[in-house]
Amino acid sequence: MGRNDISLKSYLSDKRRFADLFNCTLMGGSQVIDPNRLENSPTVMSVSDENGFMERINDISMKYTFEDSSLALIILENQEYIDYSMPLRVMLQQALAYDAQLRDIKSQNKNHKLKSGGEYLSKVKKTDRILPVVVLVAYWGEDEWDGARSIHDMLRFEPRTEIMRQFVPDYKINFVNIKDYKDSDNFKTELRTFSGLYFCKNSKIKMSKYIETHRECANIDSDTFLAIANITGSGNIKGLEKYKDKEEINMCKAFEENWLDGLEKGKEEGALEMLCELVGDGLIKSEEAAKRMNITESAFNEKMKRAQAYAP
């Protein structure tokens, strides 16, 4: 599991953010899921019999209790890269989750008197019910998702077999592309800021502009700051230890103190290119850029001219 996957999993395991993501993307903004009714659930789904063993690991699993005491199992799958087998993968996860519940029911029914032959043979009572399982695939990638979103998208229907389509149940996944999600401002938690910063992770320029144009970054919570710092790489944002115990962090100040300072220890060409962009966008002055490269301002301006002359 990559660094981004681990950071996303850890950050979205918070029940408030988990509920916020589902409510905004899957529930259309309705506050259906109350984070106070969520409980962590095992992420490993497995089945074994005389034919072999199968196991699937979910990113995040939660049990949800409704007011009438009924339950549901809610699973979040974070995707940073396109998985062209996604519908089948999700279908297997749901099937294993249902199978695990069914096996529990059968185990419990061993101690009960089963009324009919059907109940006796199946070890399942007529009144037994299993919990609904909801899976949401949240895509955090940069590339446009061109993978399948249903089992029918994965099947090969040729002219002679097209008639079979109506007899093959389709299985559609619940899918949201976070980058293209138009209602991110409806997030009720710091997930709104996180999603905005996340898609600036590959550009210091974009990150700086986002921080400057969003007031909430002046007092960002430490969880969000550290998650973004880890996703962008500790080599870019240094000295994270001093932020771990703070409830709120001024992202503007932290960005200036830590991210830009990292340029001084980078390769000269990379530092020059980045500093030229910062100066060109008016984020810092040429005098400050020169100090960071430990050269005179006139020398920096000359380097900047040459770099611009050779720029494509």
Protein backbone atom coordinates (compact mmCIF):
# COMPACT_ATOMS: atom_id res chain seq x y z
CA MET A 1 0.00 0.00 0.00
CA GLY A 2 1.43 3.37 -1.04
CA ARG A 3 1.90 6.45 1.10
CA ASN A 4 -1.12 8.21 -0.38
CA ASP A 5 -3.33 5.14 0.18
CA ILE A 6 -2.28 4.89 3.82
CA SER A 7 -2.77 8.62 4.44
CA LEU A 8 -6.22 8.61 2.79
CA LYS A 9 -7.28 5.54 4.72
CA SER A 10 -6.15 7.03 8.02
CA TYR A 11 -7.69 10.44 7.34
CA LEU A 12 -11.08 9.13 6.17
CA SER A 13 -11.31 6.59 9.00
CA ASP A 14 -12.45 9.49 11.16
CA LYS A 15 -16.20 8.89 11.60
CA ARG A 16 -17.14 12.52 10.99
CA ARG A 17 -15.30 12.65 7.68
CA PHE A 18 -16.47 9.16 6.71
CA ALA A 19 -20.11 10.18 7.24
CA ASP A 20 -19.56 13.52 5.49
CA LEU A 21 -18.17 11.84 2.38
CA PHE A 22 -21.12 9.44 2.12
CA ASN A 23 -23.76 12.05 2.92
CA CYS A 24 -22.52 14.52 0.31
CA THR A 25 -21.66 12.15 -2.53
CA LEU A 26 -24.04 9.23 -2.13
CA MET A 27 -26.95 10.77 -0.23
CA GLY A 28 -27.15 13.96 -2.29
CA GLY A 29 -26.26 16.18 0.65
CA SER A 30 -28.91 14.79 2.99
CA GLN A 31 -27.52 14.12 6.45
CA VAL A 32 -28.61 10.49 6.49
CA ILE A 33 -25.57 9.03 8.25
CA ASP A 34 -24.97 10.23 11.78
CA PRO A 35 -21.28 9.73 12.68
CA ASN A 36 -22.28 9.03 16.29
CA ARG A 37 -24.02 5.85 15.10
CA LEU A 38 -20.99 4.48 13.27
CA GLU A 39 -18.82 1.69 14.63
CA ASN A 40 -15.60 0.31 13.20
CA SER A 41 -16.04 -3.05 11.50
CA PRO A 42 -13.46 -5.67 10.41
CA THR A 43 -12.00 -4.90 7.00
CA VAL A 44 -11.04 -8.46 6.12
CA MET A 45 -13.67 -10.52 4.27
CA SER A 46 -12.87 -14.20 3.70
CA VAL A 47 -14.44 -17.53 2.91
CA SER A 48 -12.99 -21.03 2.94
CA ASP A 49 -14.31 -24.47 2.10
CA GLU A 50 -13.12 -27.73 0.61
CA ASN A 51 -12.55 -25.92 -2.70
CA GLY A 52 -10.11 -23.35 -1.36
CA PHE A 53 -9.80 -19.98 0.37
CA MET A 54 -10.69 -16.44 -0.74
CA GLU A 55 -9.95 -13.18 1.07
CA ARG A 56 -10.58 -9.51 0.30
CA ILE A 57 -9.45 -6.51 2.38
CA ASN A 58 -11.60 -3.38 2.39
CA ASP A 59 -10.10 0.06 2.91
CA ILE A 60 -12.58 1.17 5.58
CA SER A 61 -15.62 -0.67 6.96
CA MET A 62 -18.21 0.73 9.36
CA LYS A 63 -21.37 -0.66 10.91
CA TYR A 64 -24.24 1.81 11.09
CA THR A 65 -27.13 1.64 13.56
CA PHE A 66 -30.39 3.30 12.55
CA GLU A 67 -32.86 4.67 15.08
CA ASP A 68 -34.98 1.53 14.91
CA SER A 69 -31.90 -0.54 15.84
CA SER A 70 -31.54 -2.01 12.34
CA LEU A 71 -28.02 -2.14 10.96
CA ALA A 72 -26.13 -1.66 7.73
CA LEU A 73 -22.55 -2.31 6.73
CA ILE A 74 -20.89 0.60 4.92
CA ILE A 75 -17.61 0.15 3.04
CA LEU A 76 -15.37 2.83 1.51
CA GLU A 77 -12.88 1.99 -1.23
CA ASN A 78 -10.31 4.71 -2.00
CA GLN A 79 -8.81 4.58 -5.49
CA GLU A 80 -5.85 6.69 -6.56
CA TYR A 81 -5.36 4.74 -9.78
CA ILE A 82 -7.81 3.32 -12.32
CA ASP A 83 -8.77 -0.30 -11.66
CA TYR A 84 -10.37 -1.82 -14.74
CA SER A 85 -11.71 -4.72 -12.67
CA MET A 86 -13.47 -2.47 -10.13
CA PRO A 87 -17.09 -3.71 -10.59
CA LEU A 88 -16.05 -7.34 -10.16
CA ARG A 89 -13.83 -6.47 -7.22
CA VAL A 90 -16.65 -4.62 -5.44
CA MET A 91 -19.15 -7.35 -6.25
CA LEU A 92 -16.87 -9.93 -4.64
CA GLN A 93 -16.47 -7.73 -1.57
CA GLN A 94 -20.22 -7.45 -1.15
CA ALA A 95 -20.72 -11.17 -1.77
CA LEU A 96 -18.13 -12.03 0.89
CA ALA A 97 -19.75 -9.62 3.33
CA TYR A 98 -23.13 -11.25 2.77
CA ASP A 99 -21.60 -14.73 2.97
CA ALA A 100 -19.94 -13.91 6.31
CA GLN A 101 -23.31 -12.84 7.73
CA LEU A 102 -24.97 -15.98 6.41
CA ARG A 103 -22.35 -18.20 7.99
CA ASP A 104 -22.92 -16.46 11.34
CA ILE A 105 -26.66 -17.08 11.03
CA LYS A 106 -26.11 -20.76 10.24
CA SER A 107 -23.78 -21.08 13.22
CA GLN A 108 -26.35 -19.51 15.55
CA ASN A 109 -29.14 -21.70 14.17
CA LYS A 110 -27.33 -24.86 15.20
CA ASN A 111 -28.70 -24.26 18.69
CA HIS A 112 -32.28 -23.60 17.52
CA LYS A 113 -35.00 -25.94 16.45
CA LEU A 114 -35.62 -25.50 12.73
CA LYS A 115 -39.27 -25.94 11.73
CA SER A 116 -39.28 -27.04 8.10
CA GLY A 117 -37.21 -29.25 5.87
CA GLY A 118 -36.00 -26.22 3.94
CA GLU A 119 -34.82 -24.57 7.14
CA TYR A 120 -33.14 -27.77 8.30
CA LEU A 121 -31.28 -28.32 5.03
CA SER A 122 -30.17 -24.70 4.56
CA LYS A 123 -29.66 -23.97 8.29
CA VAL A 124 -31.42 -20.66 7.58
CA LYS A 125 -34.82 -19.80 9.06
CA LYS A 126 -37.54 -18.25 6.95
CA THR A 127 -37.47 -15.14 9.16
CA ASP A 128 -33.67 -14.71 9.10
CA ARG A 129 -32.38 -11.53 7.47
CA ILE A 130 -28.88 -10.21 6.65
CA LEU A 131 -27.68 -6.62 6.78
CA PRO A 132 -27.55 -4.48 3.63
CA VAL A 133 -24.01 -3.76 2.45
CA VAL A 134 -23.24 -0.42 0.77
CA VAL A 135 -19.91 0.16 -1.00
CA LEU A 136 -18.71 3.55 -2.23
CA VAL A 137 -15.73 3.84 -4.58
CA ALA A 138 -14.07 7.23 -4.14
CA TYR A 139 -11.61 8.00 -6.94
CA TRP A 140 -8.83 10.43 -5.99
CA GLY A 141 -6.76 10.10 -9.18
CA GLU A 142 -5.58 12.80 -11.56
CA ASP A 143 -6.42 10.92 -14.77
CA GLU A 144 -9.93 10.76 -16.15
CA TRP A 145 -11.60 7.54 -15.03
CA ASP A 146 -12.18 5.42 -18.12
CA GLY A 147 -12.72 2.14 -16.31
CA ALA A 148 -15.90 0.10 -16.02
CA ARG A 149 -18.64 1.20 -13.63
CA SER A 150 -20.79 -1.90 -13.98
CA ILE A 151 -20.45 -5.59 -14.73
CA HIS A 152 -22.10 -5.07 -18.13
CA ASP A 153 -19.24 -2.69 -18.99
CA MET A 154 -16.85 -5.60 -18.49
CA LEU A 155 -18.80 -8.25 -20.40
CA ARG A 156 -18.38 -9.06 -24.07
CA PHE A 157 -21.74 -9.08 -25.82
CA GLU A 158 -21.32 -10.00 -29.47
CA PRO A 159 -24.13 -9.74 -32.04
CA ARG A 160 -25.07 -13.38 -31.57
CA THR A 161 -25.06 -13.11 -27.76
CA GLU A 162 -26.59 -9.62 -27.40
CA ILE A 163 -29.96 -11.22 -26.67
CA MET A 164 -28.43 -12.61 -23.48
CA ARG A 165 -27.88 -9.11 -22.04
CA GLN A 166 -31.44 -8.91 -20.68
CA PHE A 167 -30.93 -12.13 -18.74
CA VAL A 168 -27.61 -11.12 -17.16
CA PRO A 169 -28.23 -8.93 -14.09
CA ASP A 170 -26.15 -5.78 -14.22
CA TYR A 171 -24.15 -4.70 -11.20
CA LYS A 172 -23.40 -1.01 -10.96
CA ILE A 173 -20.94 0.40 -8.47
CA ASN A 174 -21.48 3.55 -6.40
CA PHE A 175 -18.75 5.77 -7.79
CA VAL A 176 -17.62 9.35 -7.20
CA ASN A 177 -14.72 11.15 -8.88
CA ILE A 178 -13.58 13.54 -6.15
CA LYS A 179 -11.68 15.76 -8.59
CA ASP A 180 -14.80 16.33 -10.72
CA TYR A 181 -17.24 16.43 -7.81
CA LYS A 182 -19.08 19.73 -8.25
CA ASP A 183 -20.54 20.05 -4.74
CA SER A 184 -17.40 19.81 -2.59
CA ASP A 185 -18.41 23.09 -0.89
CA ASN A 186 -21.28 21.12 0.66
CA PHE A 187 -18.92 19.07 2.80
CA LYS A 188 -19.69 19.84 6.43
CA THR A 189 -16.26 18.90 7.78
CA GLU A 190 -12.68 19.81 7.00
CA LEU A 191 -12.99 17.34 4.11
CA ARG A 192 -13.82 20.36 1.95
CA THR A 193 -10.39 21.90 2.58
CA PHE A 194 -8.63 18.56 2.35
CA SER A 195 -10.08 17.73 -1.07
CA GLY A 196 -9.09 21.17 -2.38
CA LEU A 197 -5.53 20.86 -1.11
CA TYR A 198 -5.22 17.24 -2.22
CA PHE A 199 -5.49 18.10 -5.90
CA CYS A 200 -2.77 20.74 -5.53
CA LYS A 201 -0.33 18.17 -4.16
CA ASN A 202 1.84 18.04 -7.28
CA SER A 203 2.31 21.78 -7.63
CA LYS A 204 3.73 24.14 -5.03
CA ILE A 205 2.37 27.03 -7.07
CA LYS A 206 -1.19 25.71 -7.03
CA MET A 207 -0.88 24.84 -3.35
CA SER A 208 0.29 28.34 -2.48
CA LYS A 209 -2.49 29.97 -4.49
CA TYR A 210 -5.13 27.73 -2.91
CA ILE A 211 -3.89 28.57 0.59
CA GLU A 212 -3.90 32.30 -0.15
CA THR A 213 -7.43 32.30 -1.60
CA HIS A 214 -9.13 30.14 1.06
CA ARG A 215 -9.47 31.75 4.46
CA GLU A 216 -10.02 28.47 6.28
CA CYS A 217 -6.36 27.60 5.61
CA ALA A 218 -5.36 30.29 8.12
CA ASN A 219 -6.58 27.95 10.90
CA ILE A 220 -6.49 24.44 9.55
CA ASP A 221 -6.82 21.43 11.87
CA SER A 222 -3.67 19.43 12.48
CA ASP A 223 -5.12 16.18 11.08
CA THR A 224 -5.75 17.79 7.70
CA PHE A 225 -2.38 19.52 7.65
CA LEU A 226 -0.44 16.37 8.53
CA ALA A 227 -2.42 14.27 6.04
CA ILE A 228 -1.60 16.69 3.23
CA ALA A 229 2.01 16.88 4.41
CA ASN A 230 2.36 13.11 4.29
CA ILE A 231 0.68 12.80 0.91
CA THR A 232 2.93 15.44 -0.63
CA GLY A 233 5.96 13.83 1.00
CA SER A 234 7.94 14.61 4.13
CA GLY A 235 10.81 15.63 1.88
CA ASN A 236 8.78 18.68 0.87
CA ILE A 237 7.32 19.69 4.22
CA LYS A 238 9.86 19.27 7.00
CA GLY A 239 9.78 19.43 10.77
CA LEU A 240 6.29 17.94 11.07
CA GLU A 241 6.85 16.98 14.71
CA LYS A 242 6.26 20.51 15.95
CA TYR A 243 2.74 20.52 14.46
CA LYS A 244 1.47 17.20 15.85
CA ASP A 245 0.24 18.57 19.19
CA LYS A 246 -1.39 21.71 17.80
CA GLU A 247 -5.17 21.83 17.40
CA GLU A 248 -5.01 24.44 14.63
CA ILE A 249 -2.25 25.48 12.25
CA ASN A 250 -1.77 28.54 10.10
CA MET A 251 -1.22 26.82 6.76
CA CYS A 252 0.11 30.01 5.17
CA LYS A 253 2.85 30.31 7.77
CA ALA A 254 3.65 26.60 7.77
CA PHE A 255 3.88 26.61 3.99
CA GLU A 256 6.27 29.56 4.01
CA GLU A 257 8.43 28.21 6.86
CA ASN A 258 8.74 24.60 5.75
CA TRP A 259 7.85 24.00 2.12
CA LEU A 260 9.81 26.86 0.57
CA ASP A 261 12.76 26.26 2.88
CA GLY A 262 13.01 22.78 1.39
CA LEU A 263 14.05 24.36 -1.89
CA GLU A 264 17.37 25.41 -0.39
CA LYS A 265 18.38 21.79 0.01
CA GLY A 266 17.19 20.69 -3.42
CA LYS A 267 19.09 20.61 -6.64
CA GLU A 268 19.99 24.07 -7.92
CA GLU A 269 18.18 23.66 -11.21
CA GLY A 270 14.98 22.48 -9.56
CA ALA A 271 15.21 25.26 -6.98
CA LEU A 272 15.82 27.88 -9.66
CA GLU A 273 12.87 26.68 -11.75
CA MET A 274 10.52 26.72 -8.77
CA LEU A 275 11.73 30.10 -7.49
CA CYS A 276 11.34 31.60 -10.96
CA GLU A 277 7.72 30.40 -10.98
CA LEU A 278 7.12 31.86 -7.52
CA VAL A 279 8.59 35.22 -8.50
CA GLY A 280 6.76 35.23 -11.82
CA ASP A 281 3.45 34.61 -10.05
CA GLY A 282 4.20 37.34 -7.50
CA LEU A 283 4.24 34.95 -4.54
CA ILE A 284 7.70 36.05 -3.42
CA LYS A 285 10.06 38.86 -4.43
CA SER A 286 13.25 38.36 -6.41
CA GLU A 287 15.23 39.58 -3.41
CA GLU A 288 13.81 36.75 -1.27
CA ALA A 289 14.45 34.21 -4.05
CA ALA A 290 18.05 35.34 -4.30
CA LYS A 291 18.54 34.87 -0.56
CA ARG A 292 17.18 31.34 -0.77
CA MET A 293 19.74 30.51 -3.47
CA ASN A 294 22.47 32.35 -1.54
CA ILE A 295 23.26 34.62 -4.48
CA THR A 296 22.83 38.32 -5.22
CA GLU A 297 19.53 39.63 -6.53
CA SER A 298 21.13 40.70 -9.83
CA ALA A 299 22.62 37.21 -10.26
CA PHE A 300 19.22 35.65 -9.66
CA ASN A 301 17.54 37.99 -12.15
CA GLU A 302 20.14 37.04 -14.75
CA LYS A 303 19.55 33.33 -14.12
CA MET A 304 15.81 33.93 -14.35
CA LYS A 305 16.17 35.69 -17.71
CA ARG A 306 18.22 32.81 -19.11
CA ALA A 307 15.75 30.26 -17.79
CA GLN A 308 12.86 32.12 -19.40
CA ALA A 309 14.77 32.39 -22.67
CA TYR A 310 15.18 28.60 -22.83
CA ALA A 311 11.65 27.87 -21.61
CA PRO A 312 9.44 26.07 -24.20
